[in-house]
Amino acid sequence: MTKQTDDEYATWVRDALKAIANQSAGSNAPERNHAEVMSTLERLLNPVICRRLGIYDWPPDFLLSVVIPVFNEEATIATLISRVLQVNVPCEIIVVDDGSSDQTAELLTAMAEKIPLRLFRHDHNQGKGAAIRTGIGQVRGNVVLIQDGDLEYDPNDYPLLLRPILENRADVVYGSRFSSNDRPVAKYWHQTGNRFVTLLSNMFTNLKLTDVETCYKVMRCEHLQQILPTLRENGFGIELELTAKLAKIEGVRFYELPISYSPRGYAEGKKIGWRDGARAIWCVIRYAFGS
């Protein structure tokens, strides 16, 4: 049996606790929910283990701004927002509907009347980068996290991703889909292309990331606001532009953690394609030498 690292053990225990919490929340009285069960577990664990598992008290006045760019996600957006709300993190949810042509806009309008949801719209589809810029321009929190509108990424990873920032060990945290051996098997060419773009980006930024195109980018608001006026990518190239420009800020500390990931196919609504890969390579070079 191989020796587990502390982080691997913590991830295993955290997943076990989540499973227990979900089972308890579903089988007990209606008023019992996931957050209450997790709170009970927190009281039973010592502070060191809690921090390792991503279970801890939040600093006074802490607010996470969750920015969700959305385009034609009627099948998943309600479930995704429900999952975000279930995570025990003080947050504001900022959704930018990027000109959806299905029922996404109607669903979001109805949800905004019932839950604390800040909704913004583009009259026509401009791209993920444009939607992210709109969302970032509206944040009120201390830390910003980007969340896709599908179900590929698990909001239960928020506390773990926030830990390095709250412990003042990082300013930017990326959630990597590829740095853990415990993950679904991705398509060969998609993952290989991502690794190539990541390698190219690392060569110019002098970072050692494993997944530069991850959705889960968690950033201190002051650094993000510093580069916001210079952001220009409308499409998926925003991933490379953000990385290049954050890396140029003096003293910014990057951190990377493995995350849960459930990839979907094009039949289920996946939108990124080979043209976006070619654009990503161009963006790496462009923002390495210019602004």
Protein backbone atom coordinates (compact mmCIF):
# COMPACT_ATOMS: atom_id res chain seq x y z
CA MET A 1 0.00 0.00 0.00
CA THR A 2 1.43 3.35 -1.02
CA LYS A 3 1.81 6.10 1.54
CA GLN A 4 -0.77 8.87 1.16
CA THR A 5 0.18 12.50 1.43
CA ASP A 6 -1.67 14.70 3.91
CA ASP A 7 -3.62 16.37 1.09
CA GLU A 8 -4.59 13.01 -0.45
CA TYR A 9 -5.78 11.75 2.93
CA ALA A 10 -7.65 14.98 3.57
CA THR A 11 -9.37 14.72 0.20
CA TRP A 12 -10.39 11.14 0.94
CA VAL A 13 -11.78 12.04 4.37
CA ARG A 14 -13.54 15.14 3.01
CA ASP A 15 -15.28 13.10 0.31
CA ALA A 16 -16.33 10.57 2.93
CA LEU A 17 -17.76 13.33 5.12
CA LYS A 18 -19.62 14.83 2.18
CA ALA A 19 -21.14 11.44 1.42
CA ILE A 20 -22.21 11.06 5.07
CA ALA A 21 -23.63 14.59 5.10
CA ASN A 22 -25.58 14.06 1.88
CA GLN A 23 -26.97 10.75 3.11
CA SER A 24 -27.95 12.23 6.48
CA ALA A 25 -29.55 15.27 4.91
CA GLY A 26 -31.63 13.06 2.66
CA SER A 27 -32.75 10.51 5.22
CA ASN A 28 -33.59 12.56 8.31
CA ALA A 29 -36.24 15.14 9.04
CA PRO A 30 -36.91 17.76 6.32
CA GLU A 31 -35.27 20.55 8.32
CA ARG A 32 -31.94 18.68 8.32
CA ASN A 33 -29.78 19.81 5.40
CA HIS A 34 -26.24 19.46 4.11
CA ALA A 35 -24.96 22.64 5.78
CA GLU A 36 -26.31 21.61 9.20
CA VAL A 37 -24.74 18.16 9.02
CA MET A 38 -21.39 19.62 7.93
CA SER A 39 -21.59 22.08 10.83
CA THR A 40 -22.07 19.18 13.24
CA LEU A 41 -19.08 17.37 11.76
CA GLU A 42 -17.01 20.52 12.12
CA ARG A 43 -17.69 20.65 15.84
CA LEU A 44 -16.48 17.05 16.18
CA LEU A 45 -13.15 17.63 14.42
CA ASN A 46 -10.10 19.52 15.67
CA PRO A 47 -9.15 22.84 13.98
CA VAL A 48 -6.13 21.45 12.10
CA ILE A 49 -8.18 18.68 10.48
CA CYS A 50 -10.97 21.14 9.73
CA ARG A 51 -8.62 23.46 7.84
CA ARG A 52 -7.14 20.51 5.95
CA LEU A 53 -10.62 19.41 4.91
CA GLY A 54 -11.76 22.89 3.98
CA ILE A 55 -14.06 23.24 7.00
CA TYR A 56 -13.40 26.41 8.98
CA ASP A 57 -14.87 29.67 10.18
CA TRP A 58 -14.89 32.54 7.73
CA PRO A 59 -13.16 35.84 8.54
CA PRO A 60 -15.43 38.73 9.55
CA ASP A 61 -16.88 40.56 6.54
CA PHE A 62 -15.56 37.90 4.12
CA LEU A 63 -17.54 37.65 0.88
CA LEU A 64 -16.88 35.42 -2.11
CA SER A 65 -18.10 36.72 -5.47
CA VAL A 66 -19.11 33.79 -7.67
CA VAL A 67 -19.21 34.92 -11.31
CA ILE A 68 -21.18 32.57 -13.58
CA PRO A 69 -21.09 33.23 -17.36
CA VAL A 70 -24.04 31.43 -18.98
CA PHE A 71 -25.05 30.66 -22.56
CA ASN A 72 -27.88 28.21 -23.33
CA GLU A 73 -27.68 26.21 -20.09
CA GLU A 74 -31.39 25.66 -19.42
CA ALA A 75 -30.77 22.02 -18.53
CA THR A 76 -28.22 22.69 -15.79
CA ILE A 77 -28.27 26.27 -14.52
CA ALA A 78 -30.97 25.79 -11.84
CA THR A 79 -29.21 22.73 -10.41
CA LEU A 80 -25.82 24.49 -10.51
CA ILE A 81 -27.07 27.56 -8.63
CA SER A 82 -28.78 25.31 -6.08
CA ARG A 83 -25.45 23.56 -5.47
CA VAL A 84 -23.66 26.88 -5.03
CA LEU A 85 -26.23 27.95 -2.44
CA GLN A 86 -25.78 24.70 -0.52
CA VAL A 87 -22.05 25.33 0.02
CA ASN A 88 -21.40 26.89 3.41
CA VAL A 89 -19.51 29.92 2.06
CA PRO A 90 -20.60 33.57 2.44
CA CYS A 91 -21.07 34.56 -1.19
CA GLU A 92 -22.85 36.65 -3.75
CA ILE A 93 -23.90 34.99 -7.01
CA ILE A 94 -23.43 37.06 -10.15
CA VAL A 95 -24.87 35.48 -13.30
CA VAL A 96 -24.25 36.95 -16.75
CA ASP A 97 -26.62 35.58 -19.40
CA ASP A 98 -24.62 35.92 -22.60
CA GLY A 99 -27.54 36.23 -25.03
CA SER A 100 -29.05 32.78 -24.48
CA SER A 101 -31.59 31.68 -27.11
CA ASP A 102 -33.19 28.86 -25.07
CA GLN A 103 -35.13 29.13 -21.79
CA THR A 104 -32.07 30.10 -19.70
CA ALA A 105 -33.09 33.76 -19.42
CA GLU A 106 -36.61 32.90 -18.25
CA LEU A 107 -35.31 30.43 -15.68
CA LEU A 108 -32.83 32.94 -14.30
CA THR A 109 -35.45 35.69 -14.09
CA ALA A 110 -37.73 33.43 -12.08
CA MET A 111 -34.88 32.36 -9.79
CA ALA A 112 -33.79 35.97 -9.19
CA GLU A 113 -37.23 36.68 -7.72
CA LYS A 114 -36.78 33.97 -5.08
CA ILE A 115 -33.09 33.84 -4.17
CA PRO A 116 -30.24 36.39 -3.74
CA LEU A 117 -29.07 36.37 -7.34
CA ARG A 118 -27.62 39.33 -9.25
CA LEU A 119 -28.50 38.89 -12.91
CA PHE A 120 -27.01 40.72 -15.90
CA ARG A 121 -27.67 40.17 -19.59
CA HIS A 122 -26.03 40.67 -22.96
CA ASP A 123 -28.42 41.44 -25.82
CA HIS A 124 -26.54 39.00 -28.04
CA ASN A 125 -23.94 36.29 -27.57
CA GLN A 126 -20.47 37.81 -27.17
CA GLY A 127 -18.48 34.92 -25.68
CA LYS A 128 -17.34 33.63 -22.30
CA GLY A 129 -14.63 36.27 -21.93
CA ALA A 130 -17.08 39.12 -22.46
CA ALA A 131 -19.47 37.63 -19.91
CA ILE A 132 -16.67 37.21 -17.37
CA ARG A 133 -15.62 40.84 -17.84
CA THR A 134 -19.19 41.99 -17.25
CA GLY A 135 -19.43 39.87 -14.10
CA ILE A 136 -16.06 40.95 -12.70
CA GLY A 137 -17.09 44.57 -13.15
CA GLN A 138 -19.98 44.01 -10.73
CA VAL A 139 -18.27 42.15 -7.86
CA ARG A 140 -18.48 43.36 -4.27
CA GLY A 141 -16.54 40.58 -2.55
CA ASN A 142 -12.99 40.11 -1.28
CA VAL A 143 -12.31 37.12 -3.52
CA VAL A 144 -13.65 36.26 -6.97
CA LEU A 145 -14.32 32.74 -8.26
CA ILE A 146 -15.36 31.88 -11.82
CA GLN A 147 -17.96 29.11 -12.15
CA ASP A 148 -19.28 27.60 -15.39
CA GLY A 149 -23.03 27.20 -15.75
CA ASP A 150 -22.91 23.45 -16.40
CA LEU A 151 -22.26 20.64 -13.91
CA GLU A 152 -18.66 19.75 -14.82
CA TYR A 153 -17.26 21.49 -11.73
CA ASP A 154 -18.35 20.84 -8.14
CA PRO A 155 -19.03 23.88 -5.90
CA ASN A 156 -18.22 21.71 -2.86
CA ASP A 157 -14.58 22.39 -3.78
CA TYR A 158 -14.95 26.10 -2.89
CA PRO A 159 -13.68 25.81 0.73
CA LEU A 160 -10.55 23.92 -0.33
CA LEU A 161 -9.79 26.40 -3.12
CA LEU A 162 -10.22 29.33 -0.75
CA ARG A 163 -7.98 27.93 2.00
CA PRO A 164 -4.58 29.03 0.55
CA ILE A 165 -5.89 32.59 0.11
CA LEU A 166 -7.47 32.82 3.57
CA GLU A 167 -4.26 31.49 5.14
CA ASN A 168 -2.32 34.14 3.19
CA ARG A 169 -0.29 31.58 1.26
CA ALA A 170 -1.63 32.59 -2.16
CA ASP A 171 -3.29 35.37 -4.12
CA VAL A 172 -4.50 33.25 -7.06
CA VAL A 173 -5.65 29.63 -6.82
CA TYR A 174 -6.36 27.37 -9.81
CA GLY A 175 -8.36 24.17 -9.50
CA SER A 176 -6.65 21.57 -11.67
CA ARG A 177 -8.61 18.83 -13.44
CA PHE A 178 -5.44 16.90 -14.23
CA SER A 179 -3.15 17.00 -11.19
CA SER A 180 -4.89 14.16 -9.32
CA ASN A 181 -4.81 10.49 -10.29
CA ASP A 182 -8.34 10.04 -8.93
CA ARG A 183 -10.45 11.49 -11.76
CA PRO A 184 -12.65 10.50 -14.71
CA VAL A 185 -10.74 9.61 -17.87
CA ALA A 186 -10.81 12.56 -20.27
CA LYS A 187 -10.74 12.42 -24.07
CA TYR A 188 -7.17 11.99 -25.27
CA TRP A 189 -6.98 14.87 -27.73
CA HIS A 190 -8.83 17.31 -25.49
CA GLN A 191 -6.54 16.65 -22.53
CA THR A 192 -3.41 16.51 -24.71
CA GLY A 193 -4.31 19.84 -26.32
CA ASN A 194 -4.91 21.37 -22.91
CA ARG A 195 -1.55 20.13 -21.67
CA PHE A 196 0.20 21.59 -24.70
CA VAL A 197 -1.43 24.99 -24.19
CA THR A 198 -0.59 24.81 -20.48
CA LEU A 199 3.05 23.97 -21.25
CA LEU A 200 3.28 26.85 -23.70
CA SER A 201 1.70 29.23 -21.20
CA ASN A 202 4.09 28.07 -18.46
CA MET A 203 7.10 28.77 -20.69
CA PHE A 204 6.08 32.43 -21.04
CA THR A 205 4.68 33.07 -17.54
CA ASN A 206 7.37 31.10 -15.67
CA LEU A 207 4.63 29.30 -13.75
CA LYS A 208 4.32 25.52 -13.31
CA LEU A 209 0.60 24.95 -13.72
CA THR A 210 -0.97 21.68 -14.83
CA ASP A 211 -4.28 23.15 -16.09
CA VAL A 212 -4.22 26.74 -17.32
CA GLU A 213 -7.64 26.47 -18.97
CA THR A 214 -9.50 25.37 -15.86
CA CYS A 215 -12.74 27.18 -15.13
CA TYR A 216 -11.94 27.35 -11.40
CA LYS A 217 -9.79 30.44 -11.06
CA VAL A 218 -9.98 32.02 -7.59
CA MET A 219 -8.44 35.49 -7.25
CA ARG A 220 -8.12 38.29 -4.74
CA CYS A 221 -10.40 41.08 -5.91
CA GLU A 222 -7.73 43.79 -5.72
CA HIS A 223 -5.49 41.98 -8.20
CA LEU A 224 -8.35 41.22 -10.56
CA GLN A 225 -9.57 44.82 -10.53
CA GLN A 226 -6.02 45.91 -11.34
CA ILE A 227 -6.07 44.08 -14.68
CA LEU A 228 -9.80 44.41 -15.48
CA PRO A 229 -9.43 47.57 -17.63
CA THR A 230 -6.90 45.75 -19.84
CA LEU A 231 -8.89 42.53 -20.43
CA ARG A 232 -10.04 42.23 -24.04
CA GLU A 233 -10.65 38.56 -24.92
CA ASN A 234 -14.33 37.80 -25.68
CA GLY A 235 -14.02 34.03 -26.01
CA PHE A 236 -12.25 31.19 -24.23
CA GLY A 237 -8.96 33.02 -24.72
CA ILE A 238 -9.80 34.85 -21.48
CA GLU A 239 -8.29 31.87 -19.61
CA LEU A 240 -4.84 32.56 -21.09
CA GLU A 241 -5.18 36.34 -20.88
CA LEU A 242 -6.08 36.24 -17.19
CA THR A 243 -3.14 33.97 -16.41
CA ALA A 244 -0.62 36.04 -18.37
CA LYS A 245 -1.72 39.34 -16.85
CA LEU A 246 -2.01 38.09 -13.28
CA ALA A 247 1.47 36.57 -13.60
CA LYS A 248 2.88 39.98 -14.54
CA ILE A 249 1.70 41.61 -11.30
CA GLU A 250 4.67 41.98 -8.96
CA GLY A 251 4.53 39.61 -6.00
CA VAL A 252 1.37 37.70 -6.95
CA ARG A 253 1.51 34.14 -5.58
CA PHE A 254 -0.12 31.29 -7.53
CA TYR A 255 -1.35 28.03 -6.02
CA GLU A 256 -2.94 24.96 -7.59
CA LEU A 257 -5.16 22.25 -6.10
CA PRO A 258 -6.82 19.15 -7.56
CA ILE A 259 -10.59 19.41 -7.99
CA SER A 260 -13.56 17.22 -8.81
CA TYR A 261 -14.42 17.14 -12.50
CA SER A 262 -17.19 15.43 -14.51
CA PRO A 263 -16.61 16.20 -18.20
CA ARG A 264 -19.57 16.46 -20.54
CA GLY A 265 -19.65 15.86 -24.30
CA TYR A 266 -20.71 18.10 -27.16
CA ALA A 267 -24.09 16.36 -27.27
CA GLU A 268 -24.64 17.59 -23.70
CA GLY A 269 -23.78 21.19 -24.56
CA LYS A 270 -19.97 21.45 -24.44
CA LYS A 271 -18.98 24.47 -26.51
CA ILE A 272 -15.19 24.70 -26.72
CA GLY A 273 -13.69 23.41 -29.99
CA TRP A 274 -10.45 23.17 -31.99
CA ARG A 275 -10.72 26.79 -33.11
CA ASP A 276 -10.63 27.83 -29.46
CA GLY A 277 -7.47 25.75 -29.05
CA ALA A 278 -5.80 27.59 -31.93
CA ARG A 279 -6.93 30.90 -30.45
CA ALA A 280 -5.50 29.85 -27.07
CA ILE A 281 -2.04 29.35 -28.59
CA TRP A 282 -2.24 32.77 -30.23
CA CYS A 283 -3.35 34.34 -26.92
CA VAL A 284 -0.41 32.82 -25.03
CA ILE A 285 2.05 34.49 -27.40
CA ARG A 286 0.10 37.74 -27.70
CA TYR A 287 -0.20 38.42 -23.98
CA ALA A 288 3.32 37.24 -23.23
CA PHE A 289 4.74 40.15 -25.21
CA GLY A 290 1.94 42.73 -25.17
CA SER A 291 -1.05 43.96 -23.27
